[in-house]
């Protein structure tokens, strides 16, 4: 597994940047999708690309994702 410092996070969506709690995703490490909350940068959750895709599809189908 990659060291957390190796992840290059980008903010993918932020409804209120002043609140400093935007979701961030890193996909720069092969085979790993890392996710964190910008308000808690030391807490990182990792997924395989297949698991990440399944989660996103499931949430979209359940109406849990919005633009």
PDB file of N, CA and C in Angstrom:
ATOM      1  N   UNK A   1       0.853  -1.185   0.000  1.00  0.00           N
ATOM      2  CA  UNK A   1       0.000   0.000   0.000  1.00  0.00           C
ATOM      3  C   UNK A   1       0.886   1.231   0.000  1.00  0.00           C
ATOM      4  N   UNK A   2       0.450   2.235  -0.684  1.00  0.00           N
ATOM      5  CA  UNK A   2       1.197   3.492  -0.763  1.00  0.00           C
ATOM      6  C   UNK A   2       1.152   4.218   0.577  1.00  0.00           C
ATOM      7  N   UNK A   3       2.196   4.962   0.833  1.00  0.00           N
ATOM      8  CA  UNK A   3       2.194   5.822   2.013  1.00  0.00           C
ATOM      9  C   UNK A   3       1.175   6.935   1.783  1.00  0.00           C
ATOM     10  N   UNK A   4       0.562   7.379   2.844  1.00  0.00           N
ATOM     11  CA  UNK A   4      -0.447   8.443   2.699  1.00  0.00           C
ATOM     12  C   UNK A   4       0.139   9.699   2.072  1.00  0.00           C
ATOM     13  N   UNK A   5       1.395   9.962   2.317  1.00  0.00           N
ATOM     14  CA  UNK A   5       2.002  11.166   1.760  1.00  0.00           C
ATOM     15  C   UNK A   5       2.179  11.070   0.250  1.00  0.00           C
ATOM     16  N   UNK A   6       2.054   9.857  -0.311  1.00  0.00           N
ATOM     17  CA  UNK A   6       2.195   9.673  -1.754  1.00  0.00           C
ATOM     18  C   UNK A   6       0.936  10.042  -2.529  1.00  0.00           C
ATOM     19  N   UNK A   7      -0.200  10.091  -1.842  1.00  0.00           N
ATOM     20  CA  UNK A   7      -1.442  10.408  -2.523  1.00  0.00           C
ATOM     21  C   UNK A   7      -1.468  11.886  -2.918  1.00  0.00           C
ATOM     22  N   UNK A   8      -1.928  12.141  -4.137  1.00  0.00           N
ATOM     23  CA  UNK A   8      -2.083  13.514  -4.624  1.00  0.00           C
ATOM     24  C   UNK A   8      -3.587  13.802  -4.710  1.00  0.00           C
ATOM     25  N   UNK A   9      -4.116  14.380  -3.651  1.00  0.00           N
ATOM     26  CA  UNK A   9      -5.558  14.614  -3.562  1.00  0.00           C
ATOM     27  C   UNK A   9      -5.981  15.845  -4.345  1.00  0.00           C
ATOM     28  N   UNK A  10      -7.156  15.736  -4.935  1.00  0.00           N
ATOM     29  CA  UNK A  10      -7.802  16.879  -5.587  1.00  0.00           C
ATOM     30  C   UNK A  10      -9.219  16.990  -5.045  1.00  0.00           C
ATOM     31  N   UNK A  11      -9.686  18.207  -4.938  1.00  0.00           N
ATOM     32  CA  UNK A  11     -11.058  18.444  -4.489  1.00  0.00           C
ATOM     33  C   UNK A  11     -11.982  18.170  -5.655  1.00  0.00           C
ATOM     34  N   UNK A  12     -12.948  17.283  -5.447  1.00  0.00           N
ATOM     35  CA  UNK A  12     -13.828  16.888  -6.546  1.00  0.00           C
ATOM     36  C   UNK A  12     -15.167  17.612  -6.526  1.00  0.00           C
ATOM     37  N   UNK A  13     -15.578  18.062  -5.383  1.00  0.00           N
ATOM     38  CA  UNK A  13     -16.844  18.791  -5.261  1.00  0.00           C
ATOM     39  C   UNK A  13     -16.824  19.516  -3.928  1.00  0.00           C
ATOM     40  N   UNK A  14     -17.320  20.723  -3.956  1.00  0.00           N
ATOM     41  CA  UNK A  14     -17.344  21.467  -2.700  1.00  0.00           C
ATOM     42  C   UNK A  14     -18.479  22.472  -2.765  1.00  0.00           C
ATOM     43  N   UNK A  15     -19.481  22.222  -1.979  1.00  0.00           N
ATOM     44  CA  UNK A  15     -20.642  23.127  -1.999  1.00  0.00           C
ATOM     45  C   UNK A  15     -20.348  24.431  -1.290  1.00  0.00           C
ATOM     46  N   UNK A  16     -19.516  24.370  -0.259  1.00  0.00           N
ATOM     47  CA  UNK A  16     -19.190  25.576   0.491  1.00  0.00           C
ATOM     48  C   UNK A  16     -17.718  25.541   0.875  1.00  0.00           C
ATOM     49  N   UNK A  17     -16.832  26.057   0.010  1.00  0.00           N
ATOM     50  CA  UNK A  17     -15.398  26.004   0.291  1.00  0.00           C
ATOM     51  C   UNK A  17     -15.019  26.675   1.608  1.00  0.00           C
ATOM     52  N   UNK A  18     -15.827  27.616   2.074  1.00  0.00           N
ATOM     53  CA  UNK A  18     -15.528  28.283   3.344  1.00  0.00           C
ATOM     54  C   UNK A  18     -15.680  27.332   4.532  1.00  0.00           C
ATOM     55  N   UNK A  19     -16.470  26.285   4.358  1.00  0.00           N
ATOM     56  CA  UNK A  19     -16.677  25.321   5.440  1.00  0.00           C
ATOM     57  C   UNK A  19     -15.483  24.381   5.588  1.00  0.00           C
ATOM     58  N   UNK A  20     -14.620  24.308   4.580  1.00  0.00           N
ATOM     59  CA  UNK A  20     -13.413  23.484   4.607  1.00  0.00           C
ATOM     60  C   UNK A  20     -13.712  22.018   4.925  1.00  0.00           C
ATOM     61  N   UNK A  21     -14.733  21.478   4.288  1.00  0.00           N
ATOM     62  CA  UNK A  21     -15.023  20.054   4.457  1.00  0.00           C
ATOM     63  C   UNK A  21     -15.425  19.439   3.117  1.00  0.00           C
ATOM     64  N   UNK A  22     -14.554  19.579   2.161  1.00  0.00           N
ATOM     65  CA  UNK A  22     -14.820  19.122   0.805  1.00  0.00           C
ATOM     66  C   UNK A  22     -14.250  17.724   0.585  1.00  0.00           C
ATOM     67  N   UNK A  23     -14.973  16.876  -0.151  1.00  0.00           N
ATOM     68  CA  UNK A  23     -14.420  15.562  -0.454  1.00  0.00           C
ATOM     69  C   UNK A  23     -13.241  15.694  -1.414  1.00  0.00           C
ATOM     70  N   UNK A  24     -12.221  14.909  -1.160  1.00  0.00           N
ATOM     71  CA  UNK A  24     -11.032  14.905  -2.004  1.00  0.00           C
ATOM     72  C   UNK A  24     -10.715  13.469  -2.395  1.00  0.00           C
ATOM     73  N   UNK A  25     -10.257  13.296  -3.640  1.00  0.00           N
ATOM     74  CA  UNK A  25      -9.951  11.969  -4.166  1.00  0.00           C
ATOM     75  C   UNK A  25      -8.561  11.987  -4.775  1.00  0.00           C
ATOM     76  N   UNK A  26      -7.842  10.865  -4.589  1.00  0.00           N
ATOM     77  CA  UNK A  26      -6.540  10.686  -5.223  1.00  0.00           C
ATOM     78  C   UNK A  26      -6.572   9.393  -6.027  1.00  0.00           C
ATOM     79  N   UNK A  27      -6.155   9.474  -7.276  1.00  0.00           N
ATOM     80  CA  UNK A  27      -6.099   8.285  -8.131  1.00  0.00           C
ATOM     81  C   UNK A  27      -4.722   8.142  -8.772  1.00  0.00           C
ATOM     82  N   UNK A  28      -3.724   8.772  -8.189  1.00  0.00           N
ATOM     83  CA  UNK A  28      -2.390   8.756  -8.782  1.00  0.00           C
ATOM     84  C   UNK A  28      -1.593   7.490  -8.457  1.00  0.00           C
ATOM     85  N   UNK A  29      -2.088   6.641  -7.560  1.00  0.00           N
ATOM     86  CA  UNK A  29      -1.426   5.388  -7.237  1.00  0.00           C
ATOM     87  C   UNK A  29      -2.198   4.262  -7.937  1.00  0.00           C
ATOM     88  N   UNK A  30      -1.518   3.506  -8.769  1.00  0.00           N
ATOM     89  CA  UNK A  30      -2.174   2.441  -9.534  1.00  0.00           C
ATOM     90  C   UNK A  30      -2.890   1.459  -8.613  1.00  0.00           C
ATOM     91  N   UNK A  31      -4.148   1.170  -8.935  1.00  0.00           N
ATOM     92  CA  UNK A  31      -4.916   0.184  -8.196  1.00  0.00           C
ATOM     93  C   UNK A  31      -5.539   0.677  -6.906  1.00  0.00           C
ATOM     94  N   UNK A  32      -5.448   1.990  -6.636  1.00  0.00           N
ATOM     95  CA  UNK A  32      -5.973   2.540  -5.384  1.00  0.00           C
ATOM     96  C   UNK A  32      -6.745   3.828  -5.663  1.00  0.00           C
ATOM     97  N   UNK A  33      -7.921   3.938  -5.077  1.00  0.00           N
ATOM     98  CA  UNK A  33      -8.665   5.188  -5.040  1.00  0.00           C
ATOM     99  C   UNK A  33      -8.701   5.590  -3.567  1.00  0.00           C
ATOM    100  N   UNK A  34      -8.118   6.735  -3.262  1.00  0.00           N
ATOM    101  CA  UNK A  34      -8.076   7.219  -1.881  1.00  0.00           C
ATOM    102  C   UNK A  34      -9.031   8.395  -1.740  1.00  0.00           C
ATOM    103  N   UNK A  35      -9.757   8.423  -0.632  1.00  0.00           N
ATOM    104  CA  UNK A  35     -10.761   9.460  -0.393  1.00  0.00           C
ATOM    105  C   UNK A  35     -10.542  10.026   1.005  1.00  0.00           C
ATOM    106  N   UNK A  36     -10.716  11.334   1.125  1.00  0.00           N
ATOM    107  CA  UNK A  36     -10.640  11.967   2.443  1.00  0.00           C
ATOM    108  C   UNK A  36     -11.522  13.207   2.456  1.00  0.00           C
ATOM    109  N   UNK A  37     -11.772  13.702   3.643  1.00  0.00           N
ATOM    110  CA  UNK A  37     -12.491  14.942   3.866  1.00  0.00           C
ATOM    111  C   UNK A  37     -11.423  16.013   4.096  1.00  0.00           C
ATOM    112  N   UNK A  38     -11.515  17.120   3.412  1.00  0.00           N
ATOM    113  CA  UNK A  38     -10.488  18.163   3.552  1.00  0.00           C
ATOM    114  C   UNK A  38     -10.386  18.679   4.984  1.00  0.00           C
ATOM    115  N   UNK A  39     -11.457  18.540   5.770  1.00  0.00           N
ATOM    116  CA  UNK A  39     -11.425  18.972   7.160  1.00  0.00           C
ATOM    117  C   UNK A  39     -10.679  17.981   8.056  1.00  0.00           C
ATOM    118  N   UNK A  40     -10.500  16.745   7.564  1.00  0.00           N
ATOM    119  CA  UNK A  40      -9.787  15.711   8.325  1.00  0.00           C
ATOM    120  C   UNK A  40      -8.783  15.020   7.407  1.00  0.00           C
ATOM    121  N   UNK A  41      -7.741  15.714   6.984  1.00  0.00           N
ATOM    122  CA  UNK A  41      -6.822  15.172   5.986  1.00  0.00           C
ATOM    123  C   UNK A  41      -6.028  13.947   6.437  1.00  0.00           C
ATOM    124  N   UNK A  42      -5.958  13.684   7.726  1.00  0.00           N
ATOM    125  CA  UNK A  42      -5.221  12.508   8.203  1.00  0.00           C
ATOM    126  C   UNK A  42      -6.054  11.226   8.153  1.00  0.00           C
ATOM    127  N   UNK A  43      -7.345  11.359   7.900  1.00  0.00           N
ATOM    128  CA  UNK A  43      -8.228  10.197   7.818  1.00  0.00           C
ATOM    129  C   UNK A  43      -8.480   9.872   6.351  1.00  0.00           C
ATOM    130  N   UNK A  44      -7.841   8.804   5.879  1.00  0.00           N
ATOM    131  CA  UNK A  44      -7.917   8.418   4.473  1.00  0.00           C
ATOM    132  C   UNK A  44      -8.561   7.045   4.363  1.00  0.00           C
ATOM    133  N   UNK A  45      -9.518   6.912   3.459  1.00  0.00           N
ATOM    134  CA  UNK A  45     -10.164   5.641   3.164  1.00  0.00           C
ATOM    135  C   UNK A  45      -9.723   5.236   1.770  1.00  0.00           C
ATOM    136  N   UNK A  46      -9.332   3.980   1.603  1.00  0.00           N
ATOM    137  CA  UNK A  46      -8.896   3.518   0.287  1.00  0.00           C
ATOM    138  C   UNK A  46      -9.830   2.439  -0.239  1.00  0.00           C
ATOM    139  N   UNK A  47      -9.961   2.412  -1.554  1.00  0.00           N
ATOM    140  CA  UNK A  47     -10.787   1.449  -2.261  1.00  0.00           C
ATOM    141  C   UNK A  47      -9.990   0.895  -3.437  1.00  0.00           C
ATOM    142  N   UNK A  48     -10.377  -0.283  -3.902  1.00  0.00           N
ATOM    143  CA  UNK A  48      -9.897  -0.715  -5.212  1.00  0.00           C
ATOM    144  C   UNK A  48     -10.734   0.053  -6.230  1.00  0.00           C
ATOM    145  N   UNK A  49     -10.245   0.196  -7.446  1.00  0.00           N
ATOM    146  CA  UNK A  49     -11.068   0.887  -8.457  1.00  0.00           C
ATOM    147  C   UNK A  49     -12.436   0.224  -8.653  1.00  0.00           C
ATOM    148  N   UNK A  50     -12.485  -1.107  -8.613  1.00  0.00           N
ATOM    149  CA  UNK A  50     -13.774  -1.802  -8.780  1.00  0.00           C
ATOM    150  C   UNK A  50     -14.725  -1.508  -7.627  1.00  0.00           C
ATOM    151  N   UNK A  51     -14.199  -1.504  -6.400  1.00  0.00           N
ATOM    152  CA  UNK A  51     -15.043  -1.194  -5.245  1.00  0.00           C
ATOM    153  C   UNK A  51     -15.528   0.253  -5.282  1.00  0.00           C
ATOM    154  N   UNK A  52     -14.666   1.172  -5.709  1.00  0.00           N
ATOM    155  CA  UNK A  52     -15.051   2.582  -5.813  1.00  0.00           C
ATOM    156  C   UNK A  52     -16.172   2.743  -6.838  1.00  0.00           C
ATOM    157  N   UNK A  53     -16.017   2.094  -7.984  1.00  0.00           N
ATOM    158  CA  UNK A  53     -17.036   2.163  -9.029  1.00  0.00           C
ATOM    159  C   UNK A  53     -18.358   1.605  -8.525  1.00  0.00           C
ATOM    160  N   UNK A  54     -18.310   0.474  -7.837  1.00  0.00           N
ATOM    161  CA  UNK A  54     -19.533  -0.130  -7.302  1.00  0.00           C
ATOM    162  C   UNK A  54     -20.216   0.803  -6.304  1.00  0.00           C
ATOM    163  N   UNK A  55     -19.439   1.449  -5.449  1.00  0.00           N
ATOM    164  CA  UNK A  55     -20.005   2.390  -4.482  1.00  0.00           C
ATOM    165  C   UNK A  55     -20.675   3.571  -5.175  1.00  0.00           C
ATOM    166  N   UNK A  56     -20.007   4.135  -6.150  1.00  0.00           N
ATOM    167  CA  UNK A  56     -20.559   5.288  -6.861  1.00  0.00           C
ATOM    168  C   UNK A  56     -21.834   4.896  -7.615  1.00  0.00           C
ATOM    169  N   UNK A  57     -21.818   3.754  -8.274  1.00  0.00           N
ATOM    170  CA  UNK A  57     -23.005   3.294  -9.002  1.00  0.00           C
ATOM    171  C   UNK A  57     -24.155   3.058  -8.030  1.00  0.00           C
ATOM    172  N   UNK A  58     -23.869   2.394  -6.917  1.00  0.00           N
ATOM    173  CA  UNK A  58     -24.914   2.127  -5.924  1.00  0.00           C
ATOM    174  C   UNK A  58     -25.505   3.422  -5.391  1.00  0.00           C
ATOM    175  N   UNK A  59     -24.672   4.380  -5.053  1.00  0.00           N
ATOM    176  CA  UNK A  59     -25.173   5.647  -4.517  1.00  0.00           C
ATOM    177  C   UNK A  59     -25.973   6.407  -5.567  1.00  0.00           C
ATOM    178  N   UNK A  60     -25.536   6.364  -6.803  1.00  0.00           N
ATOM    179  CA  UNK A  60     -26.269   7.043  -7.872  1.00  0.00           C
ATOM    180  C   UNK A  60     -27.647   6.412  -8.062  1.00  0.00           C
ATOM    181  N   UNK A  61     -27.719   5.101  -8.002  1.00  0.00           N
ATOM    182  CA  UNK A  61     -28.989   4.401  -8.166  1.00  0.00           C
ATOM    183  C   UNK A  61     -29.941   4.676  -7.010  1.00  0.00           C
ATOM    184  N   UNK A  62     -29.386   4.887  -5.830  1.00  0.00           N
ATOM    185  CA  UNK A  62     -30.215   5.153  -4.649  1.00  0.00           C
ATOM    186  C   UNK A  62     -30.496   6.627  -4.460  1.00  0.00           C
ATOM    187  N   UNK A  63     -29.999   7.457  -5.376  1.00  0.00           N
ATOM    188  CA  UNK A  63     -30.233   8.887  -5.278  1.00  0.00           C
ATOM    189  C   UNK A  63     -29.347   9.574  -4.251  1.00  0.00           C
ATOM    190  N   UNK A  64     -28.275   8.904  -3.845  1.00  0.00           N
ATOM    191  CA  UNK A  64     -27.382   9.465  -2.843  1.00  0.00           C
ATOM    192  C   UNK A  64     -26.349  10.422  -3.386  1.00  0.00           C
ATOM    193  N   UNK A  65     -26.253  10.542  -4.680  1.00  0.00           N
ATOM    194  CA  UNK A  65     -25.302  11.473  -5.299  1.00  0.00           C
ATOM    195  C   UNK A  65     -26.068  12.570  -6.004  1.00  0.00           C
ATOM    196  N   UNK A  66     -25.586  13.778  -5.860  1.00  0.00           N
ATOM    197  CA  UNK A  66     -26.211  14.899  -6.560  1.00  0.00           C
ATOM    198  C   UNK A  66     -25.127  15.852  -7.026  1.00  0.00           C
ATOM    199  N   UNK A  67     -25.436  16.584  -8.046  1.00  0.00           N
ATOM    200  CA  UNK A  67     -24.455  17.532  -8.602  1.00  0.00           C
ATOM    201  C   UNK A  67     -24.473  18.823  -7.837  1.00  0.00           C
TER     202      UNK A  67
END
